């Protein structure tokens, strides 16, 4: 058999398999739980805070840029395969070009421009998302520990502004600048869970954090042991919970319901059990819940964690 005949026969099985490969790809692309309404979000859940659409927009823009780059690269590859194949040009060895300055400048400058644009939009949105107010409507200290979560509601539960325990030793891990954002007379209540805790309404594992709809909530994140990560899935946002370092961010929930949360940082053997729930309710129901916690004897605060440390300046000493 001639070499050409051998090549043709070897290509036939590949041609017969091509429809099967395309069919399998189509099944993988379509056999998901997504509906046509989900596709514009590109895998992201429906946002439930005023801040989350900004994150969704950044995600969609990044995908659009990646898709445009991919289409360009795929197009050039396909064009080269079709119009520079050996059977078309009849050239055994094509002309060799050592360098092409315009092309080399192009594939150096274009990636730099792409990175600069993505950096600009990421930095712009990050600055907006991490902006905090001096007097939010509510302040909640989220305490991460192996292997669950605690929630200190820094609220004026009894309505008496003269009774406050904001300087409690339990909150010593929180710097004074964040305690000052709490409302006057914050006597506080708390809730805490274990890995076996369940939400009574949904049966989902983990303790439940209650939030009021339409009101700004400032989260002060502290840890008692190792690094955790506080992630409420439909917030489209997560932030690390670091021992000896306080992270803070704000959201305004705009949709009632119960949503899943989890630790997004590998923190040890039972990391997968560090789950919690977020229940967004009306402001009136939220205040009723604070009273319910107080009646159950959960007044005051949980120990928030390891005390805030300073940056390690001049940690290394010079040999004399």
C-alpha atoms as a PDB file:
ATOM      1  CA  UNK A   1       0.000   0.000   0.000  1.00  0.00           C
ATOM      2  CA  UNK A   2       1.280   3.466  -0.884  1.00  0.00           C
ATOM      3  CA  UNK A   3       2.120   5.964   1.842  1.00  0.00           C
ATOM      4  CA  UNK A   4      -0.740   8.161   0.658  1.00  0.00           C
ATOM      5  CA  UNK A   5      -3.167   5.285   0.858  1.00  0.00           C
ATOM      6  CA  UNK A   6      -1.954   4.436   4.341  1.00  0.00           C
ATOM      7  CA  UNK A   7      -2.538   8.054   5.449  1.00  0.00           C
ATOM      8  CA  UNK A   8      -6.082   8.036   4.064  1.00  0.00           C
ATOM      9  CA  UNK A   9      -6.957   4.778   5.782  1.00  0.00           C
ATOM     10  CA  UNK A  10      -5.577   6.007   9.114  1.00  0.00           C
ATOM     11  CA  UNK A  11      -7.732   9.123   8.903  1.00  0.00           C
ATOM     12  CA  UNK A  12     -10.989   7.259   8.329  1.00  0.00           C
ATOM     13  CA  UNK A  13     -11.428   6.009  11.937  1.00  0.00           C
ATOM     14  CA  UNK A  14     -10.896   9.555  13.183  1.00  0.00           C
ATOM     15  CA  UNK A  15     -13.582  10.849  10.822  1.00  0.00           C
ATOM     16  CA  UNK A  16     -16.004   8.206  12.078  1.00  0.00           C
ATOM     17  CA  UNK A  17     -15.302   9.174  15.702  1.00  0.00           C
ATOM     18  CA  UNK A  18     -15.709  12.906  15.116  1.00  0.00           C
ATOM     19  CA  UNK A  19     -19.555  12.912  15.304  1.00  0.00           C
ATOM     20  CA  UNK A  20     -19.386  10.911  18.545  1.00  0.00           C
ATOM     21  CA  UNK A  21     -16.939  13.382  20.063  1.00  0.00           C
ATOM     22  CA  UNK A  22     -19.105  16.349  19.015  1.00  0.00           C
ATOM     23  CA  UNK A  23     -22.229  14.663  20.402  1.00  0.00           C
ATOM     24  CA  UNK A  24     -20.496  13.986  23.734  1.00  0.00           C
ATOM     25  CA  UNK A  25     -19.382  17.620  23.908  1.00  0.00           C
ATOM     26  CA  UNK A  26     -22.928  18.801  23.221  1.00  0.00           C
ATOM     27  CA  UNK A  27     -24.279  16.577  26.017  1.00  0.00           C
ATOM     28  CA  UNK A  28     -21.700  17.865  28.485  1.00  0.00           C
ATOM     29  CA  UNK A  29     -22.521  21.454  27.546  1.00  0.00           C
ATOM     30  CA  UNK A  30     -26.285  21.073  27.884  1.00  0.00           C
ATOM     31  CA  UNK A  31     -26.867  18.353  30.513  1.00  0.00           C
ATOM     32  CA  UNK A  32     -26.645  20.684  33.492  1.00  0.00           C
ATOM     33  CA  UNK A  33     -29.191  22.016  35.966  1.00  0.00           C
ATOM     34  CA  UNK A  34     -29.075  25.496  34.418  1.00  0.00           C
ATOM     35  CA  UNK A  35     -31.997  27.134  32.653  1.00  0.00           C
ATOM     36  CA  UNK A  36     -31.794  29.859  30.033  1.00  0.00           C
ATOM     37  CA  UNK A  37     -32.177  32.424  32.824  1.00  0.00           C
ATOM     38  CA  UNK A  38     -29.008  31.117  34.498  1.00  0.00           C
ATOM     39  CA  UNK A  39     -26.696  31.426  31.489  1.00  0.00           C
ATOM     40  CA  UNK A  40     -26.142  35.227  31.696  1.00  0.00           C
ATOM     41  CA  UNK A  41     -24.760  34.738  35.229  1.00  0.00           C
ATOM     42  CA  UNK A  42     -22.194  32.226  33.910  1.00  0.00           C
ATOM     43  CA  UNK A  43     -22.485  29.837  36.842  1.00  0.00           C
ATOM     44  CA  UNK A  44     -22.908  32.456  39.564  1.00  0.00           C
ATOM     45  CA  UNK A  45     -25.950  32.256  41.900  1.00  0.00           C
ATOM     46  CA  UNK A  46     -28.611  34.961  41.949  1.00  0.00           C
ATOM     47  CA  UNK A  47     -27.268  37.998  43.899  1.00  0.00           C
ATOM     48  CA  UNK A  48     -29.083  38.804  47.156  1.00  0.00           C
ATOM     49  CA  UNK A  49     -27.277  42.003  48.251  1.00  0.00           C
ATOM     50  CA  UNK A  50     -26.948  45.501  46.818  1.00  0.00           C
ATOM     51  CA  UNK A  51     -23.206  44.946  46.386  1.00  0.00           C
ATOM     52  CA  UNK A  52     -23.280  41.548  44.649  1.00  0.00           C
ATOM     53  CA  UNK A  53     -24.281  42.796  41.135  1.00  0.00           C
ATOM     54  CA  UNK A  54     -20.950  44.663  40.960  1.00  0.00           C
ATOM     55  CA  UNK A  55     -19.139  41.351  41.503  1.00  0.00           C
ATOM     56  CA  UNK A  56     -21.353  39.622  38.941  1.00  0.00           C
ATOM     57  CA  UNK A  57     -20.612  42.351  36.397  1.00  0.00           C
ATOM     58  CA  UNK A  58     -16.858  41.941  36.932  1.00  0.00           C
ATOM     59  CA  UNK A  59     -17.218  38.178  36.517  1.00  0.00           C
ATOM     60  CA  UNK A  60     -19.205  38.567  33.283  1.00  0.00           C
ATOM     61  CA  UNK A  61     -16.730  41.122  31.908  1.00  0.00           C
ATOM     62  CA  UNK A  62     -13.793  38.817  32.632  1.00  0.00           C
ATOM     63  CA  UNK A  63     -15.545  35.968  30.815  1.00  0.00           C
ATOM     64  CA  UNK A  64     -16.316  38.230  27.847  1.00  0.00           C
ATOM     65  CA  UNK A  65     -12.656  39.271  27.591  1.00  0.00           C
ATOM     66  CA  UNK A  66     -11.510  35.649  27.905  1.00  0.00           C
ATOM     67  CA  UNK A  67     -13.999  34.545  25.237  1.00  0.00           C
ATOM     68  CA  UNK A  68     -12.907  37.279  22.822  1.00  0.00           C
ATOM     69  CA  UNK A  69      -9.254  36.300  23.322  1.00  0.00           C
ATOM     70  CA  UNK A  70     -10.115  32.633  22.869  1.00  0.00           C
ATOM     71  CA  UNK A  71     -12.067  33.243  19.656  1.00  0.00           C
ATOM     72  CA  UNK A  72      -9.134  35.214  18.234  1.00  0.00           C
ATOM     73  CA  UNK A  73      -6.610  32.506  19.130  1.00  0.00           C
ATOM     74  CA  UNK A  74      -8.832  29.658  17.936  1.00  0.00           C
ATOM     75  CA  UNK A  75      -9.525  31.549  14.709  1.00  0.00           C
ATOM     76  CA  UNK A  76      -5.829  32.007  13.976  1.00  0.00           C
ATOM     77  CA  UNK A  77      -5.118  28.349  14.738  1.00  0.00           C
ATOM     78  CA  UNK A  78      -7.918  27.135  12.442  1.00  0.00           C
ATOM     79  CA  UNK A  79      -6.872  29.571   9.714  1.00  0.00           C
ATOM     80  CA  UNK A  80      -3.274  28.303   9.882  1.00  0.00           C
ATOM     81  CA  UNK A  81      -4.388  24.659   9.817  1.00  0.00           C
ATOM     82  CA  UNK A  82      -6.629  25.165   6.771  1.00  0.00           C
ATOM     83  CA  UNK A  83      -4.640  27.567   4.599  1.00  0.00           C
ATOM     84  CA  UNK A  84      -1.133  26.388   5.411  1.00  0.00           C
ATOM     85  CA  UNK A  85      -1.598  22.642   5.273  1.00  0.00           C
ATOM     86  CA  UNK A  86       0.962  20.756   3.206  1.00  0.00           C
ATOM     87  CA  UNK A  87      -1.584  19.160   0.881  1.00  0.00           C
ATOM     88  CA  UNK A  88      -2.693  22.644  -0.240  1.00  0.00           C
ATOM     89  CA  UNK A  89       0.641  24.399  -0.642  1.00  0.00           C
ATOM     90  CA  UNK A  90       2.577  21.363  -1.956  1.00  0.00           C
ATOM     91  CA  UNK A  91       5.571  22.736  -0.078  1.00  0.00           C
ATOM     92  CA  UNK A  92       7.557  20.182   1.883  1.00  0.00           C
ATOM     93  CA  UNK A  93       9.249  22.739   4.154  1.00  0.00           C
ATOM     94  CA  UNK A  94       7.691  26.242   4.323  1.00  0.00           C
ATOM     95  CA  UNK A  95       9.778  29.376   4.402  1.00  0.00           C
ATOM     96  CA  UNK A  96      11.381  29.900   7.805  1.00  0.00           C
ATOM     97  CA  UNK A  97      11.110  33.336   9.435  1.00  0.00           C
ATOM     98  CA  UNK A  98      13.420  34.067  12.334  1.00  0.00           C
ATOM     99  CA  UNK A  99      11.515  37.048  13.656  1.00  0.00           C
ATOM    100  CA  UNK A 100       8.828  39.522  12.741  1.00  0.00           C
ATOM    101  CA  UNK A 101       9.024  42.739  14.730  1.00  0.00           C
ATOM    102  CA  UNK A 102       5.413  43.928  14.202  1.00  0.00           C
ATOM    103  CA  UNK A 103       4.007  40.563  15.278  1.00  0.00           C
ATOM    104  CA  UNK A 104       6.356  40.257  18.249  1.00  0.00           C
ATOM    105  CA  UNK A 105       5.438  43.785  19.363  1.00  0.00           C
ATOM    106  CA  UNK A 106       1.753  42.891  18.959  1.00  0.00           C
ATOM    107  CA  UNK A 107       1.831  39.773  21.136  1.00  0.00           C
ATOM    108  CA  UNK A 108       3.828  41.681  23.775  1.00  0.00           C
ATOM    109  CA  UNK A 109       1.669  44.800  23.922  1.00  0.00           C
ATOM    110  CA  UNK A 110      -1.783  43.208  23.629  1.00  0.00           C
ATOM    111  CA  UNK A 111      -1.433  40.935  26.707  1.00  0.00           C
ATOM    112  CA  UNK A 112      -0.123  43.911  28.676  1.00  0.00           C
ATOM    113  CA  UNK A 113      -3.195  45.955  27.688  1.00  0.00           C
ATOM    114  CA  UNK A 114      -5.523  43.078  28.653  1.00  0.00           C
ATOM    115  CA  UNK A 115      -3.870  42.726  32.064  1.00  0.00           C
ATOM    116  CA  UNK A 116      -3.959  46.496  32.652  1.00  0.00           C
ATOM    117  CA  UNK A 117      -7.677  46.711  31.844  1.00  0.00           C
ATOM    118  CA  UNK A 118      -8.539  43.746  34.092  1.00  0.00           C
ATOM    119  CA  UNK A 119      -6.404  45.226  36.884  1.00  0.00           C
ATOM    120  CA  UNK A 120      -8.177  48.583  36.614  1.00  0.00           C
ATOM    121  CA  UNK A 121     -11.697  47.144  36.885  1.00  0.00           C
ATOM    122  CA  UNK A 122     -10.680  44.700  39.645  1.00  0.00           C
ATOM    123  CA  UNK A 123      -9.029  47.440  41.727  1.00  0.00           C
ATOM    124  CA  UNK A 124     -11.996  49.777  41.180  1.00  0.00           C
ATOM    125  CA  UNK A 125     -14.552  47.191  42.290  1.00  0.00           C
ATOM    126  CA  UNK A 126     -12.428  45.925  45.189  1.00  0.00           C
ATOM    127  CA  UNK A 127     -12.140  49.458  46.571  1.00  0.00           C
ATOM    128  CA  UNK A 128     -15.912  49.906  46.364  1.00  0.00           C
ATOM    129  CA  UNK A 129     -16.692  46.520  47.940  1.00  0.00           C
ATOM    130  CA  UNK A 130     -14.338  47.044  50.887  1.00  0.00           C
ATOM    131  CA  UNK A 131     -15.571  50.545  51.639  1.00  0.00           C
ATOM    132  CA  UNK A 132     -17.081  50.758  55.129  1.00  0.00           C
ATOM    133  CA  UNK A 133     -19.244  53.370  56.815  1.00  0.00           C
ATOM    134  CA  UNK A 134     -18.654  54.961  60.218  1.00  0.00           C
ATOM    135  CA  UNK A 135     -22.147  54.150  61.466  1.00  0.00           C
ATOM    136  CA  UNK A 136     -23.736  51.158  59.707  1.00  0.00           C
ATOM    137  CA  UNK A 137     -27.211  50.047  60.721  1.00  0.00           C
ATOM    138  CA  UNK A 138     -25.871  46.848  62.315  1.00  0.00           C
ATOM    139  CA  UNK A 139     -22.519  45.383  63.367  1.00  0.00           C
ATOM    140  CA  UNK A 140     -21.999  41.630  63.670  1.00  0.00           C
ATOM    141  CA  UNK A 141     -18.803  39.953  64.815  1.00  0.00           C
ATOM    142  CA  UNK A 142     -18.366  36.639  62.990  1.00  0.00           C
ATOM    143  CA  UNK A 143     -16.160  34.247  64.988  1.00  0.00           C
ATOM    144  CA  UNK A 144     -14.560  31.313  63.173  1.00  0.00           C
ATOM    145  CA  UNK A 145     -13.244  28.345  65.113  1.00  0.00           C
ATOM    146  CA  UNK A 146     -12.602  24.669  64.554  1.00  0.00           C
ATOM    147  CA  UNK A 147     -15.185  23.474  63.483  1.00  0.00           C
ATOM    148  CA  UNK A 148     -18.109  25.899  63.411  1.00  0.00           C
ATOM    149  CA  UNK A 149     -19.141  29.539  63.715  1.00  0.00           C
ATOM    150  CA  UNK A 150     -20.274  32.004  66.353  1.00  0.00           C
ATOM    151  CA  UNK A 151     -22.083  35.307  65.831  1.00  0.00           C
ATOM    152  CA  UNK A 152     -21.865  38.284  68.186  1.00  0.00           C
ATOM    153  CA  UNK A 153     -24.674  40.756  67.473  1.00  0.00           C
ATOM    154  CA  UNK A 154     -23.323  44.130  68.628  1.00  0.00           C
ATOM    155  CA  UNK A 155     -26.814  45.568  69.106  1.00  0.00           C
ATOM    156  CA  UNK A 156     -28.714  47.728  71.592  1.00  0.00           C
ATOM    157  CA  UNK A 157     -31.062  44.889  72.508  1.00  0.00           C
ATOM    158  CA  UNK A 158     -32.647  46.397  75.649  1.00  0.00           C
ATOM    159  CA  UNK A 159     -33.133  49.864  74.111  1.00  0.00           C
ATOM    160  CA  UNK A 160     -31.197  51.577  76.911  1.00  0.00           C
ATOM    161  CA  UNK A 161     -28.225  53.505  75.514  1.00  0.00           C
ATOM    162  CA  UNK A 162     -26.605  53.769  78.940  1.00  0.00           C
ATOM    163  CA  UNK A 163     -26.184  49.997  79.308  1.00  0.00           C
ATOM    164  CA  UNK A 164     -23.331  48.881  77.097  1.00  0.00           C
ATOM    165  CA  UNK A 165     -20.668  46.222  77.369  1.00  0.00           C
ATOM    166  CA  UNK A 166     -18.888  46.986  74.106  1.00  0.00           C
ATOM    167  CA  UNK A 167     -15.581  46.974  76.027  1.00  0.00           C
ATOM    168  CA  UNK A 168     -16.145  43.428  77.268  1.00  0.00           C
ATOM    169  CA  UNK A 169     -13.007  41.281  77.441  1.00  0.00           C
ATOM    170  CA  UNK A 170     -14.753  38.848  75.092  1.00  0.00           C
ATOM    171  CA  UNK A 171     -14.339  41.435  72.320  1.00  0.00           C
ATOM    172  CA  UNK A 172     -10.683  42.201  73.054  1.00  0.00           C
ATOM    173  CA  UNK A 173      -9.664  40.793  69.663  1.00  0.00           C
ATOM    174  CA  UNK A 174     -11.557  43.622  67.916  1.00  0.00           C
ATOM    175  CA  UNK A 175      -9.695  46.946  67.528  1.00  0.00           C
ATOM    176  CA  UNK A 176     -11.380  50.006  69.041  1.00  0.00           C
ATOM    177  CA  UNK A 177     -11.948  51.585  65.612  1.00  0.00           C
ATOM    178  CA  UNK A 178     -14.419  48.826  64.735  1.00  0.00           C
ATOM    179  CA  UNK A 179     -16.109  48.835  68.138  1.00  0.00           C
ATOM    180  CA  UNK A 180     -16.928  52.512  67.601  1.00  0.00           C
ATOM    181  CA  UNK A 181     -19.076  51.631  64.589  1.00  0.00           C
ATOM    182  CA  UNK A 182     -21.483  49.676  66.830  1.00  0.00           C
ATOM    183  CA  UNK A 183     -24.667  51.476  67.930  1.00  0.00           C
ATOM    184  CA  UNK A 184     -24.737  53.303  71.249  1.00  0.00           C
ATOM    185  CA  UNK A 185     -25.770  51.118  74.185  1.00  0.00           C
ATOM    186  CA  UNK A 186     -24.733  47.885  72.484  1.00  0.00           C
ATOM    187  CA  UNK A 187     -25.279  45.234  75.154  1.00  0.00           C
ATOM    188  CA  UNK A 188     -25.420  42.442  72.597  1.00  0.00           C
ATOM    189  CA  UNK A 189     -26.535  38.860  72.167  1.00  0.00           C
ATOM    190  CA  UNK A 190     -24.839  35.884  70.546  1.00  0.00           C
ATOM    191  CA  UNK A 191     -25.451  32.600  68.809  1.00  0.00           C
ATOM    192  CA  UNK A 192     -23.058  29.712  68.280  1.00  0.00           C
ATOM    193  CA  UNK A 193     -23.081  26.359  66.559  1.00  0.00           C
ATOM    194  CA  UNK A 194     -21.387  22.990  66.347  1.00  0.00           C
ATOM    195  CA  UNK A 195     -20.958  20.865  63.212  1.00  0.00           C
ATOM    196  CA  UNK A 196     -24.152  18.969  64.108  1.00  0.00           C
ATOM    197  CA  UNK A 197     -26.352  22.095  64.391  1.00  0.00           C
ATOM    198  CA  UNK A 198     -29.275  22.211  61.938  1.00  0.00           C
ATOM    199  CA  UNK A 199     -31.474  25.014  60.656  1.00  0.00           C
ATOM    200  CA  UNK A 200     -34.972  24.219  62.021  1.00  0.00           C
ATOM    201  CA  UNK A 201     -36.769  25.380  58.860  1.00  0.00           C
ATOM    202  CA  UNK A 202     -34.602  23.878  56.102  1.00  0.00           C
ATOM    203  CA  UNK A 203     -32.682  21.151  57.939  1.00  0.00           C
ATOM    204  CA  UNK A 204     -29.443  22.479  56.447  1.00  0.00           C
ATOM    205  CA  UNK A 205     -26.359  21.931  58.631  1.00  0.00           C
ATOM    206  CA  UNK A 206     -24.701  24.653  60.691  1.00  0.00           C
ATOM    207  CA  UNK A 207     -25.836  27.590  62.860  1.00  0.00           C
ATOM    208  CA  UNK A 208     -28.002  30.343  61.380  1.00  0.00           C
ATOM    209  CA  UNK A 209     -26.980  33.990  61.076  1.00  0.00           C
ATOM    210  CA  UNK A 210     -29.969  36.361  60.942  1.00  0.00           C
ATOM    211  CA  UNK A 211     -29.833  39.578  58.895  1.00  0.00           C
ATOM    212  CA  UNK A 212     -32.389  42.363  58.273  1.00  0.00           C
ATOM    213  CA  UNK A 213     -33.461  43.084  54.727  1.00  0.00           C
ATOM    214  CA  UNK A 214     -32.699  46.562  53.355  1.00  0.00           C
ATOM    215  CA  UNK A 215     -30.355  47.600  56.183  1.00  0.00           C
ATOM    216  CA  UNK A 216     -26.563  47.876  56.109  1.00  0.00           C
ATOM    217  CA  UNK A 217     -24.702  45.162  58.020  1.00  0.00           C
ATOM    218  CA  UNK A 218     -21.018  45.483  58.878  1.00  0.00           C
ATOM    219  CA  UNK A 219     -19.212  42.162  59.446  1.00  0.00           C
ATOM    220  CA  UNK A 220     -16.166  42.102  61.723  1.00  0.00           C
ATOM    221  CA  UNK A 221     -14.335  38.816  61.138  1.00  0.00           C
ATOM    222  CA  UNK A 222     -12.163  37.219  63.845  1.00  0.00           C
ATOM    223  CA  UNK A 223     -10.727  33.743  64.436  1.00  0.00           C
ATOM    224  CA  UNK A 224      -9.894  31.798  67.582  1.00  0.00           C
ATOM    225  CA  UNK A 225      -7.395  29.390  66.043  1.00  0.00           C
ATOM    226  CA  UNK A 226      -6.452  29.076  62.340  1.00  0.00           C
ATOM    227  CA  UNK A 227      -7.339  30.873  59.105  1.00  0.00           C
ATOM    228  CA  UNK A 228     -10.930  30.346  57.992  1.00  0.00           C
ATOM    229  CA  UNK A 229     -12.908  32.071  55.227  1.00  0.00           C
ATOM    230  CA  UNK A 230     -16.415  33.517  55.567  1.00  0.00           C
ATOM    231  CA  UNK A 231     -18.369  32.819  52.369  1.00  0.00           C
ATOM    232  CA  UNK A 232     -22.092  33.342  51.899  1.00  0.00           C
ATOM    233  CA  UNK A 233     -22.592  31.872  48.432  1.00  0.00           C
ATOM    234  CA  UNK A 234     -25.254  34.278  46.994  1.00  0.00           C
ATOM    235  CA  UNK A 235     -23.320  37.283  48.371  1.00  0.00           C
ATOM    236  CA  UNK A 236     -20.773  36.412  45.611  1.00  0.00           C
ATOM    237  CA  UNK A 237     -18.135  37.516  48.111  1.00  0.00           C
ATOM    238  CA  UNK A 238     -15.884  35.886  50.674  1.00  0.00           C
ATOM    239  CA  UNK A 239     -13.191  37.117  52.995  1.00  0.00           C
ATOM    240  CA  UNK A 240     -10.563  35.415  55.122  1.00  0.00           C
ATOM    241  CA  UNK A 241     -11.008  35.104  58.888  1.00  0.00           C
ATOM    242  CA  UNK A 242      -7.455  35.419  60.206  1.00  0.00           C
ATOM    243  CA  UNK A 243      -6.251  34.940  63.799  1.00  0.00           C
ATOM    244  CA  UNK A 244      -4.655  38.132  65.102  1.00  0.00           C
ATOM    245  CA  UNK A 245      -5.977  40.190  62.169  1.00  0.00           C
ATOM    246  CA  UNK A 246      -9.414  41.759  61.774  1.00  0.00           C
ATOM    247  CA  UNK A 247     -11.109  41.893  58.366  1.00  0.00           C
ATOM    248  CA  UNK A 248     -14.241  43.988  57.826  1.00  0.00           C
ATOM    249  CA  UNK A 249     -16.788  44.400  55.033  1.00  0.00           C
ATOM    250  CA  UNK A 250     -20.397  45.559  54.598  1.00  0.00           C
ATOM    251  CA  UNK A 251     -23.448  44.369  52.701  1.00  0.00           C
ATOM    252  CA  UNK A 252     -27.081  45.366  52.389  1.00  0.00           C
ATOM    253  CA  UNK A 253     -29.296  42.278  51.938  1.00  0.00           C
ATOM    254  CA  UNK A 254     -32.159  42.903  49.514  1.00  0.00           C
ATOM    255  CA  UNK A 255     -33.896  39.517  49.297  1.00  0.00           C
ATOM    256  CA  UNK A 256     -35.524  37.504  52.077  1.00  0.00           C
ATOM    257  CA  UNK A 257     -34.795  33.809  52.385  1.00  0.00           C
ATOM    258  CA  UNK A 258     -32.367  31.290  53.852  1.00  0.00           C
ATOM    259  CA  UNK A 259     -29.033  30.893  52.076  1.00  0.00           C
ATOM    260  CA  UNK A 260     -26.040  28.595  52.415  1.00  0.00           C
ATOM    261  CA  UNK A 261     -22.673  29.659  53.783  1.00  0.00           C
ATOM    262  CA  UNK A 262     -19.428  27.796  54.289  1.00  0.00           C
ATOM    263  CA  UNK A 263     -15.757  28.066  55.145  1.00  0.00           C
ATOM    264  CA  UNK A 264     -13.781  28.538  51.918  1.00  0.00           C
ATOM    265  CA  UNK A 265     -10.322  28.002  53.427  1.00  0.00           C
ATOM    266  CA  UNK A 266      -8.884  24.534  54.086  1.00  0.00           C
ATOM    267  CA  UNK A 267      -8.625  24.768  57.881  1.00  0.00           C
ATOM    268  CA  UNK A 268      -8.132  21.195  59.033  1.00  0.00           C
ATOM    269  CA  UNK A 269      -9.656  17.746  59.206  1.00  0.00           C
ATOM    270  CA  UNK A 270     -13.309  18.854  59.601  1.00  0.00           C
ATOM    271  CA  UNK A 271     -13.155  21.801  57.212  1.00  0.00           C
ATOM    272  CA  UNK A 272     -16.004  20.355  55.132  1.00  0.00           C
ATOM    273  CA  UNK A 273     -18.323  20.522  58.174  1.00  0.00           C
ATOM    274  CA  UNK A 274     -17.819  24.261  58.761  1.00  0.00           C
ATOM    275  CA  UNK A 275     -21.184  25.179  57.280  1.00  0.00           C
ATOM    276  CA  UNK A 276     -23.714  27.811  58.301  1.00  0.00           C
ATOM    277  CA  UNK A 277     -26.938  29.433  57.123  1.00  0.00           C
ATOM    278  CA  UNK A 278     -27.900  33.055  56.550  1.00  0.00           C
ATOM    279  CA  UNK A 279     -31.553  33.952  57.098  1.00  0.00           C
ATOM    280  CA  UNK A 280     -32.617  37.353  55.729  1.00  0.00           C
ATOM    281  CA  UNK A 281     -35.853  38.618  57.280  1.00  0.00           C
ATOM    282  CA  UNK A 282     -37.702  41.892  57.763  1.00  0.00           C
ATOM    283  CA  UNK A 283     -36.135  44.401  60.221  1.00  0.00           C
ATOM    284  CA  UNK A 284     -39.047  43.796  62.624  1.00  0.00           C
ATOM    285  CA  UNK A 285     -38.505  40.025  62.612  1.00  0.00           C
ATOM    286  CA  UNK A 286     -34.771  40.568  63.060  1.00  0.00           C
ATOM    287  CA  UNK A 287     -35.328  42.591  66.234  1.00  0.00           C
ATOM    288  CA  UNK A 288     -37.693  39.901  67.525  1.00  0.00           C
ATOM    289  CA  UNK A 289     -34.953  37.316  66.979  1.00  0.00           C
ATOM    290  CA  UNK A 290     -32.509  39.354  69.079  1.00  0.00           C
ATOM    291  CA  UNK A 291     -35.040  39.328  71.910  1.00  0.00           C
ATOM    292  CA  UNK A 292     -35.470  35.567  71.499  1.00  0.00           C
ATOM    293  CA  UNK A 293     -31.716  35.059  71.897  1.00  0.00           C
ATOM    294  CA  UNK A 294     -31.744  37.196  75.038  1.00  0.00           C
ATOM    295  CA  UNK A 295     -34.642  35.205  76.529  1.00  0.00           C
ATOM    296  CA  UNK A 296     -32.684  31.998  75.919  1.00  0.00           C
ATOM    297  CA  UNK A 297     -29.885  33.381  78.082  1.00  0.00           C
ATOM    298  CA  UNK A 298     -27.557  34.203  75.191  1.00  0.00           C
ATOM    299  CA  UNK A 299     -26.911  37.790  76.281  1.00  0.00           C
ATOM    300  CA  UNK A 300     -23.460  39.339  76.013  1.00  0.00           C
ATOM    301  CA  UNK A 301     -20.715  38.101  73.707  1.00  0.00           C
ATOM    302  CA  UNK A 302     -18.705  35.028  72.822  1.00  0.00           C
ATOM    303  CA  UNK A 303     -14.894  35.260  73.045  1.00  0.00           C
ATOM    304  CA  UNK A 304     -14.057  36.689  69.652  1.00  0.00           C
ATOM    305  CA  UNK A 305     -10.587  35.287  69.176  1.00  0.00           C
ATOM    306  CA  UNK A 306      -6.897  36.065  69.254  1.00  0.00           C
ATOM    307  CA  UNK A 307      -6.004  39.653  70.068  1.00  0.00           C
ATOM    308  CA  UNK A 308      -5.090  41.940  67.185  1.00  0.00           C
ATOM    309  CA  UNK A 309      -1.344  41.978  66.524  1.00  0.00           C
ATOM    310  CA  UNK A 310       0.844  44.658  64.991  1.00  0.00           C
ATOM    311  CA  UNK A 311       2.691  44.238  61.708  1.00  0.00           C
ATOM    312  CA  UNK A 312       6.072  42.530  62.095  1.00  0.00           C
ATOM    313  CA  UNK A 313       8.375  45.489  61.593  1.00  0.00           C
ATOM    314  CA  UNK A 314      12.134  45.017  61.978  1.00  0.00           C
ATOM    315  CA  UNK A 315      11.590  41.429  63.034  1.00  0.00           C
ATOM    316  CA  UNK A 316      15.098  40.432  61.959  1.00  0.00           C
ATOM    317  CA  UNK A 317      18.005  41.635  64.074  1.00  0.00           C
ATOM    318  CA  UNK A 318      21.407  42.399  62.625  1.00  0.00           C
ATOM    319  CA  UNK A 319      24.463  40.628  63.907  1.00  0.00           C
ATOM    320  CA  UNK A 320      26.713  43.015  65.739  1.00  0.00           C
END
